[in-house]
Amino acid sequence: MGKTGIKPVEEAQNSLFKVKTYSVSEILAAGGTTAFANQMGKNLQHTIMRLKALPKEDFLTDEEANAALEYLKNNK
């Protein structure tokens, strides 16, 4: 396996810079987290609806969640 056939993926390299971030002072200037979310067009009901629309296979089972938490606890 040589390096000659490897091509960089442009989208993966720049994906971090496509996300707009906000400082704490910008969020507080908007009136706090709830006011900031409202100004951004986000609301809890929309988020709940999107979560309910996800297939059940996308979520961890109780056994998987317990195993993951145990792993994290033991590997701090």
N, C-alpha and C. Protein backbone atom coordinates (compact mmCIF):
# COMPACT_ATOMS: atom_id res chain seq x y z
N MET A 1 0.84 -1.18 0.00
CA MET A 1 0.00 0.00 0.00
C MET A 1 0.88 1.24 0.00
N GLY A 2 0.80 1.98 -1.07
CA GLY A 2 1.59 3.18 -1.18
C GLY A 2 0.74 4.42 -0.98
N LYS A 3 1.42 5.53 -0.88
CA LYS A 3 0.73 6.79 -0.66
C LYS A 3 0.28 7.44 -1.96
N THR A 4 0.60 6.84 -3.08
CA THR A 4 0.29 7.48 -4.36
C THR A 4 -1.20 7.49 -4.67
N GLY A 5 -1.97 6.53 -4.17
CA GLY A 5 -3.39 6.46 -4.48
C GLY A 5 -4.28 7.19 -3.48
N ILE A 6 -3.68 7.86 -2.51
CA ILE A 6 -4.47 8.53 -1.47
C ILE A 6 -4.76 9.96 -1.92
N LYS A 7 -6.05 10.32 -1.89
CA LYS A 7 -6.45 11.68 -2.23
C LYS A 7 -7.15 12.29 -1.02
N PRO A 8 -6.79 13.50 -0.64
CA PRO A 8 -7.45 14.12 0.52
C PRO A 8 -8.91 14.43 0.20
N VAL A 9 -9.73 14.32 1.20
CA VAL A 9 -11.14 14.65 1.06
C VAL A 9 -11.32 16.10 1.49
N GLU A 10 -11.64 16.96 0.55
CA GLU A 10 -11.74 18.39 0.85
C GLU A 10 -12.86 18.69 1.83
N GLU A 11 -14.00 18.02 1.68
CA GLU A 11 -15.14 18.31 2.54
C GLU A 11 -14.83 17.97 3.99
N ALA A 12 -14.14 16.88 4.24
CA ALA A 12 -13.84 16.47 5.60
C ALA A 12 -12.84 17.43 6.25
N GLN A 13 -11.91 17.96 5.48
CA GLN A 13 -10.92 18.86 6.04
C GLN A 13 -11.52 20.20 6.44
N ASN A 14 -12.51 20.66 5.73
CA ASN A 14 -13.07 21.98 5.99
C ASN A 14 -14.38 21.94 6.76
N SER A 15 -14.83 20.76 7.16
CA SER A 15 -16.14 20.66 7.79
C SER A 15 -16.21 21.41 9.13
N LEU A 16 -15.12 21.51 9.85
CA LEU A 16 -15.12 22.20 11.13
C LEU A 16 -15.41 23.69 10.96
N PHE A 17 -14.95 24.26 9.88
CA PHE A 17 -15.08 25.69 9.68
C PHE A 17 -16.45 26.09 9.15
N LYS A 18 -17.32 25.14 8.84
CA LYS A 18 -18.66 25.45 8.37
C LYS A 18 -19.61 25.72 9.53
N VAL A 19 -19.20 25.43 10.75
CA VAL A 19 -20.05 25.60 11.92
C VAL A 19 -19.74 26.95 12.55
N LYS A 20 -20.77 27.78 12.68
CA LYS A 20 -20.60 29.09 13.31
C LYS A 20 -20.64 28.91 14.82
N THR A 21 -19.69 29.49 15.49
CA THR A 21 -19.65 29.42 16.95
C THR A 21 -19.91 30.81 17.53
N TYR A 22 -20.38 30.82 18.76
CA TYR A 22 -20.71 32.07 19.44
C TYR A 22 -20.04 32.09 20.80
N SER A 23 -19.61 33.26 21.20
CA SER A 23 -18.96 33.40 22.51
C SER A 23 -20.02 33.52 23.60
N VAL A 24 -19.59 33.33 24.81
CA VAL A 24 -20.48 33.46 25.96
C VAL A 24 -21.03 34.88 26.02
N SER A 25 -20.21 35.87 25.72
CA SER A 25 -20.69 37.26 25.78
C SER A 25 -21.76 37.53 24.73
N GLU A 26 -21.67 36.91 23.55
CA GLU A 26 -22.71 37.06 22.53
C GLU A 26 -24.02 36.44 22.98
N ILE A 27 -23.94 35.29 23.63
CA ILE A 27 -25.14 34.61 24.12
C ILE A 27 -25.78 35.42 25.24
N LEU A 28 -24.96 35.92 26.15
CA LEU A 28 -25.50 36.74 27.25
C LEU A 28 -26.07 38.06 26.74
N ALA A 29 -25.45 38.63 25.71
CA ALA A 29 -25.95 39.88 25.14
C ALA A 29 -27.32 39.68 24.49
N ALA A 30 -27.59 38.48 24.05
CA ALA A 30 -28.90 38.18 23.43
C ALA A 30 -29.98 38.03 24.49
N GLY A 31 -29.59 37.94 25.75
CA GLY A 31 -30.56 37.81 26.83
C GLY A 31 -30.53 36.46 27.52
N GLY A 32 -29.50 35.68 27.26
CA GLY A 32 -29.38 34.36 27.89
C GLY A 32 -29.57 33.25 26.87
N THR A 33 -29.45 32.03 27.35
CA THR A 33 -29.47 30.89 26.45
C THR A 33 -30.83 30.69 25.77
N THR A 34 -31.91 30.87 26.51
CA THR A 34 -33.24 30.67 25.93
C THR A 34 -33.54 31.74 24.89
N ALA A 35 -33.25 33.00 25.22
CA ALA A 35 -33.48 34.08 24.26
C ALA A 35 -32.60 33.91 23.03
N PHE A 36 -31.36 33.49 23.23
CA PHE A 36 -30.45 33.26 22.11
C PHE A 36 -30.98 32.16 21.20
N ALA A 37 -31.44 31.06 21.79
CA ALA A 37 -31.99 29.96 20.99
C ALA A 37 -33.22 30.42 20.22
N ASN A 38 -34.08 31.21 20.86
CA ASN A 38 -35.27 31.73 20.18
C ASN A 38 -34.88 32.61 19.00
N GLN A 39 -33.86 33.45 19.17
CA GLN A 39 -33.39 34.31 18.09
C GLN A 39 -32.81 33.49 16.94
N MET A 40 -32.24 32.33 17.25
CA MET A 40 -31.66 31.46 16.23
C MET A 40 -32.71 30.59 15.56
N GLY A 41 -33.95 30.68 16.02
CA GLY A 41 -35.02 29.90 15.43
C GLY A 41 -35.11 28.48 15.96
N LYS A 42 -34.51 28.24 17.11
CA LYS A 42 -34.54 26.92 17.73
C LYS A 42 -35.61 26.89 18.81
N ASN A 43 -36.29 25.76 18.94
CA ASN A 43 -37.22 25.62 20.05
C ASN A 43 -37.27 24.16 20.48
N LEU A 44 -37.67 23.94 21.71
CA LEU A 44 -37.65 22.61 22.29
C LEU A 44 -38.61 21.66 21.59
N GLN A 45 -39.78 22.14 21.19
CA GLN A 45 -40.76 21.27 20.54
C GLN A 45 -40.22 20.73 19.23
N HIS A 46 -39.54 21.56 18.47
CA HIS A 46 -38.96 21.11 17.20
C HIS A 46 -37.90 20.04 17.44
N THR A 47 -37.09 20.24 18.45
CA THR A 47 -36.06 19.25 18.78
C THR A 47 -36.69 17.93 19.20
N ILE A 48 -37.72 17.99 20.02
CA ILE A 48 -38.41 16.77 20.45
C ILE A 48 -39.02 16.04 19.27
N MET A 49 -39.64 16.78 18.35
CA MET A 49 -40.23 16.16 17.16
C MET A 49 -39.17 15.47 16.31
N ARG A 50 -38.00 16.11 16.16
CA ARG A 50 -36.92 15.51 15.37
C ARG A 50 -36.39 14.24 16.05
N LEU A 51 -36.28 14.25 17.37
CA LEU A 51 -35.82 13.06 18.08
C LEU A 51 -36.82 11.92 17.97
N LYS A 52 -38.11 12.23 18.04
CA LYS A 52 -39.13 11.20 17.92
C LYS A 52 -39.16 10.59 16.52
N ALA A 53 -38.73 11.35 15.52
CA ALA A 53 -38.73 10.87 14.14
C ALA A 53 -37.57 9.91 13.85
N LEU A 54 -36.57 9.89 14.73
CA LEU A 54 -35.43 8.99 14.51
C LEU A 54 -35.84 7.54 14.73
N PRO A 55 -35.27 6.63 13.95
CA PRO A 55 -35.57 5.21 14.16
C PRO A 55 -35.02 4.73 15.51
N LYS A 56 -35.68 3.78 16.11
CA LYS A 56 -35.26 3.26 17.41
C LYS A 56 -33.88 2.62 17.34
N GLU A 57 -33.48 2.13 16.17
CA GLU A 57 -32.16 1.50 16.01
C GLU A 57 -31.02 2.49 16.19
N ASP A 58 -31.31 3.79 16.08
CA ASP A 58 -30.27 4.80 16.22
C ASP A 58 -29.87 5.05 17.67
N PHE A 59 -30.66 4.57 18.61
CA PHE A 59 -30.39 4.80 20.03
C PHE A 59 -29.73 3.58 20.65
N LEU A 60 -28.97 3.80 21.71
CA LEU A 60 -28.34 2.69 22.43
C LEU A 60 -29.39 1.93 23.23
N THR A 61 -29.18 0.63 23.31
CA THR A 61 -30.02 -0.16 24.20
C THR A 61 -29.54 0.09 25.63
N ASP A 62 -30.32 -0.36 26.61
CA ASP A 62 -29.90 -0.19 28.01
C ASP A 62 -28.57 -0.88 28.27
N GLU A 63 -28.40 -2.07 27.70
CA GLU A 63 -27.15 -2.82 27.89
C GLU A 63 -25.97 -2.08 27.27
N GLU A 64 -26.17 -1.52 26.06
CA GLU A 64 -25.09 -0.79 25.40
C GLU A 64 -24.74 0.48 26.18
N ALA A 65 -25.75 1.17 26.67
CA ALA A 65 -25.51 2.39 27.44
C ALA A 65 -24.78 2.08 28.74
N ASN A 66 -25.19 1.02 29.43
CA ASN A 66 -24.52 0.63 30.67
C ASN A 66 -23.08 0.22 30.41
N ALA A 67 -22.83 -0.51 29.33
CA ALA A 67 -21.47 -0.91 28.98
C ALA A 67 -20.62 0.31 28.66
N ALA A 68 -21.16 1.27 27.94
CA ALA A 68 -20.42 2.48 27.60
C ALA A 68 -20.11 3.30 28.85
N LEU A 69 -21.07 3.44 29.74
CA LEU A 69 -20.84 4.20 30.97
C LEU A 69 -19.82 3.50 31.86
N GLU A 70 -19.90 2.20 31.93
CA GLU A 70 -18.92 1.43 32.72
C GLU A 70 -17.52 1.60 32.14
N TYR A 71 -17.40 1.55 30.81
CA TYR A 71 -16.12 1.74 30.15
C TYR A 71 -15.55 3.13 30.47
N LEU A 72 -16.39 4.15 30.37
CA LEU A 72 -15.94 5.50 30.67
C LEU A 72 -15.51 5.65 32.13
N LYS A 73 -16.26 5.02 33.01
CA LYS A 73 -15.94 5.09 34.44
C LYS A 73 -14.57 4.48 34.73
N ASN A 74 -14.28 3.35 34.06
CA ASN A 74 -13.03 2.63 34.30
C ASN A 74 -11.84 3.21 33.55
N ASN A 75 -12.06 4.07 32.58
CA ASN A 75 -10.96 4.58 31.75
C ASN A 75 -10.90 6.10 31.77
N LYS A 76 -11.00 6.68 32.94
CA LYS A 76 -10.90 8.14 33.06
C LYS A 76 -9.50 8.60 32.84
